[in-house]
């Protein structure tokens, strides 16, 4: 896999974990600590997939997701949440999300979702190019 991947989370340990997973899959990986920075990075570079926390300071993951999809609707976004955020998850799905995963999660599930999202013809539904994995601390 030679995908451009952005990991967005306000916790360094989570960014490092997902960065290591994405690097092990052969991705080119950048990180951001909040939604504002993620949106700015997406204005400068195309990301094939974004792993994004739902709860972050400044701009939450749902707001960042909507802003990023306006910039680049082909980006597949994998969101992350460890909280019961049914309302926000439902809104994310209405915005184009096709899957969600809450903590605790299995590494194999994350790898499978990333690989599916960056494989041509995989990880998307016919009317959306967005892929979401909902997980956060």
Protein backbone atom coordinates (compact mmCIF):
# COMPACT_ATOMS: atom_id res chain seq x y z
CA UNK A 1 0.00 0.00 0.00
CA UNK A 2 1.29 3.46 -0.88
CA UNK A 3 -1.53 5.51 0.58
CA UNK A 4 -1.24 8.97 2.11
CA UNK A 5 -2.64 8.63 5.62
CA UNK A 6 -3.39 11.33 8.21
CA UNK A 7 -3.80 10.40 11.89
CA UNK A 8 -5.75 13.00 13.89
CA UNK A 9 -6.05 12.72 17.68
CA UNK A 10 -5.40 15.05 20.59
CA UNK A 11 -3.52 12.30 22.46
CA UNK A 12 0.07 11.70 21.36
CA UNK A 13 0.01 8.02 22.35
CA UNK A 14 -2.98 7.39 20.06
CA UNK A 15 -1.36 9.29 17.17
CA UNK A 16 1.82 7.27 17.62
CA UNK A 17 -0.07 3.96 17.79
CA UNK A 18 -2.07 4.57 14.62
CA UNK A 19 0.97 6.02 12.87
CA UNK A 20 2.92 2.83 13.65
CA UNK A 21 0.05 0.67 12.37
CA UNK A 22 -0.26 2.71 9.15
CA UNK A 23 3.53 2.71 8.59
CA UNK A 24 3.62 -1.05 9.06
CA UNK A 25 1.10 -1.29 6.20
CA UNK A 26 3.37 0.79 3.97
CA UNK A 27 1.50 4.07 4.16
CA UNK A 28 2.96 7.59 4.05
CA UNK A 29 1.79 8.99 7.38
CA UNK A 30 1.30 12.51 8.77
CA UNK A 31 -0.28 13.45 12.11
CA UNK A 32 -2.35 16.30 13.53
CA UNK A 33 -3.43 16.99 17.11
CA UNK A 34 -6.81 18.55 16.35
CA UNK A 35 -9.42 19.09 13.67
CA UNK A 36 -8.25 22.58 12.76
CA UNK A 37 -4.77 21.34 11.93
CA UNK A 38 -6.21 18.37 10.01
CA UNK A 39 -8.33 20.67 7.84
CA UNK A 40 -5.31 22.88 7.10
CA UNK A 41 -3.20 19.84 6.17
CA UNK A 42 -5.97 18.67 3.81
CA UNK A 43 -5.84 22.02 2.02
CA UNK A 44 -2.17 21.35 1.27
CA UNK A 45 -2.15 17.62 0.51
CA UNK A 46 -4.49 14.84 -0.59
CA UNK A 47 -4.99 12.05 1.94
CA UNK A 48 -6.37 8.72 0.83
CA UNK A 49 -7.50 7.91 4.35
CA UNK A 50 -7.78 9.84 7.60
CA UNK A 51 -7.93 8.20 11.02
CA UNK A 52 -9.69 10.81 13.17
CA UNK A 53 -10.77 11.03 16.79
CA UNK A 54 -14.31 12.24 17.43
CA UNK A 55 -13.59 14.24 20.60
CA UNK A 56 -10.88 16.86 20.27
CA UNK A 57 -10.43 20.46 21.40
CA UNK A 58 -11.09 23.39 19.04
CA UNK A 59 -12.82 21.47 16.22
CA UNK A 60 -14.27 18.03 16.92
CA UNK A 61 -13.94 15.13 14.52
CA UNK A 62 -17.43 15.48 13.07
CA UNK A 63 -16.88 19.15 12.23
CA UNK A 64 -13.45 18.38 10.77
CA UNK A 65 -14.88 15.52 8.75
CA UNK A 66 -17.49 17.75 7.14
CA UNK A 67 -14.91 20.46 6.39
CA UNK A 68 -12.43 17.97 4.91
CA UNK A 69 -15.03 16.34 2.69
CA UNK A 70 -15.85 19.78 1.26
CA UNK A 71 -12.17 20.19 0.41
CA UNK A 72 -11.70 16.65 -0.95
CA UNK A 73 -14.77 14.43 -1.17
CA UNK A 74 -12.64 11.44 -2.26
CA UNK A 75 -10.89 11.23 1.13
CA UNK A 76 -11.93 8.21 3.16
CA UNK A 77 -12.31 9.14 6.80
CA UNK A 78 -11.96 6.65 9.61
CA UNK A 79 -13.23 8.24 12.81
CA UNK A 80 -12.55 6.99 16.31
CA UNK A 81 -14.55 7.20 19.54
CA UNK A 82 -14.53 5.40 22.85
CA UNK A 83 -17.59 7.25 24.11
CA UNK A 84 -21.28 6.58 23.60
CA UNK A 85 -21.81 9.19 20.91
CA UNK A 86 -24.79 7.75 19.08
CA UNK A 87 -26.08 11.15 17.94
CA UNK A 88 -22.71 12.19 16.52
CA UNK A 89 -22.13 8.75 14.99
CA UNK A 90 -25.55 8.87 13.33
CA UNK A 91 -24.74 12.32 11.96
CA UNK A 92 -21.39 11.06 10.68
CA UNK A 93 -23.16 8.24 8.85
CA UNK A 94 -25.64 10.71 7.36
CA UNK A 95 -22.60 12.71 6.21
CA UNK A 96 -21.26 9.69 4.35
CA UNK A 97 -19.81 7.32 6.93
CA UNK A 98 -20.20 3.64 6.10
CA UNK A 99 -18.86 1.99 9.29
CA UNK A 100 -18.12 2.75 12.90
CA UNK A 101 -16.05 1.07 15.58
CA UNK A 102 -15.87 1.93 19.26
CA UNK A 103 -13.25 1.02 21.82
CA UNK A 104 -12.18 -1.45 22.78
CA UNK A 105 -11.19 -2.47 19.27
CA UNK A 106 -9.00 -5.17 17.81
CA UNK A 107 -5.86 -4.38 15.82
CA UNK A 108 -6.93 -6.79 13.08
CA UNK A 109 -10.18 -4.85 12.63
CA UNK A 110 -8.24 -1.59 12.21
CA UNK A 111 -5.81 -3.15 9.70
CA UNK A 112 -8.69 -4.70 7.74
CA UNK A 113 -10.57 -1.39 7.61
CA UNK A 114 -7.50 0.59 6.51
CA UNK A 115 -6.65 -1.94 3.83
CA UNK A 116 -10.25 -2.02 2.63
CA UNK A 117 -10.45 1.77 2.51
CA UNK A 118 -7.32 2.17 0.38
CA UNK A 119 -7.95 -0.76 -1.94
CA UNK A 120 -9.47 0.30 -5.26
CA UNK A 121 -13.13 -0.63 -5.21
CA UNK A 122 -13.09 -1.35 -1.46
CA UNK A 123 -14.27 0.43 1.64
CA UNK A 124 -16.88 2.67 0.17
CA UNK A 125 -20.50 2.61 -0.71
CA UNK A 126 -21.69 3.62 -4.19
CA UNK A 127 -22.78 7.12 -3.19
CA UNK A 128 -19.94 8.02 -0.81
CA UNK A 129 -16.17 7.91 -0.80
CA UNK A 130 -16.03 8.24 2.97
CA UNK A 131 -14.94 5.43 5.27
CA UNK A 132 -15.35 5.79 9.03
CA UNK A 133 -13.99 3.85 11.97
CA UNK A 134 -15.38 5.58 15.05
CA UNK A 135 -12.99 5.29 18.06
CA UNK A 136 -11.58 7.77 20.74
CA UNK A 137 -10.21 8.08 24.26
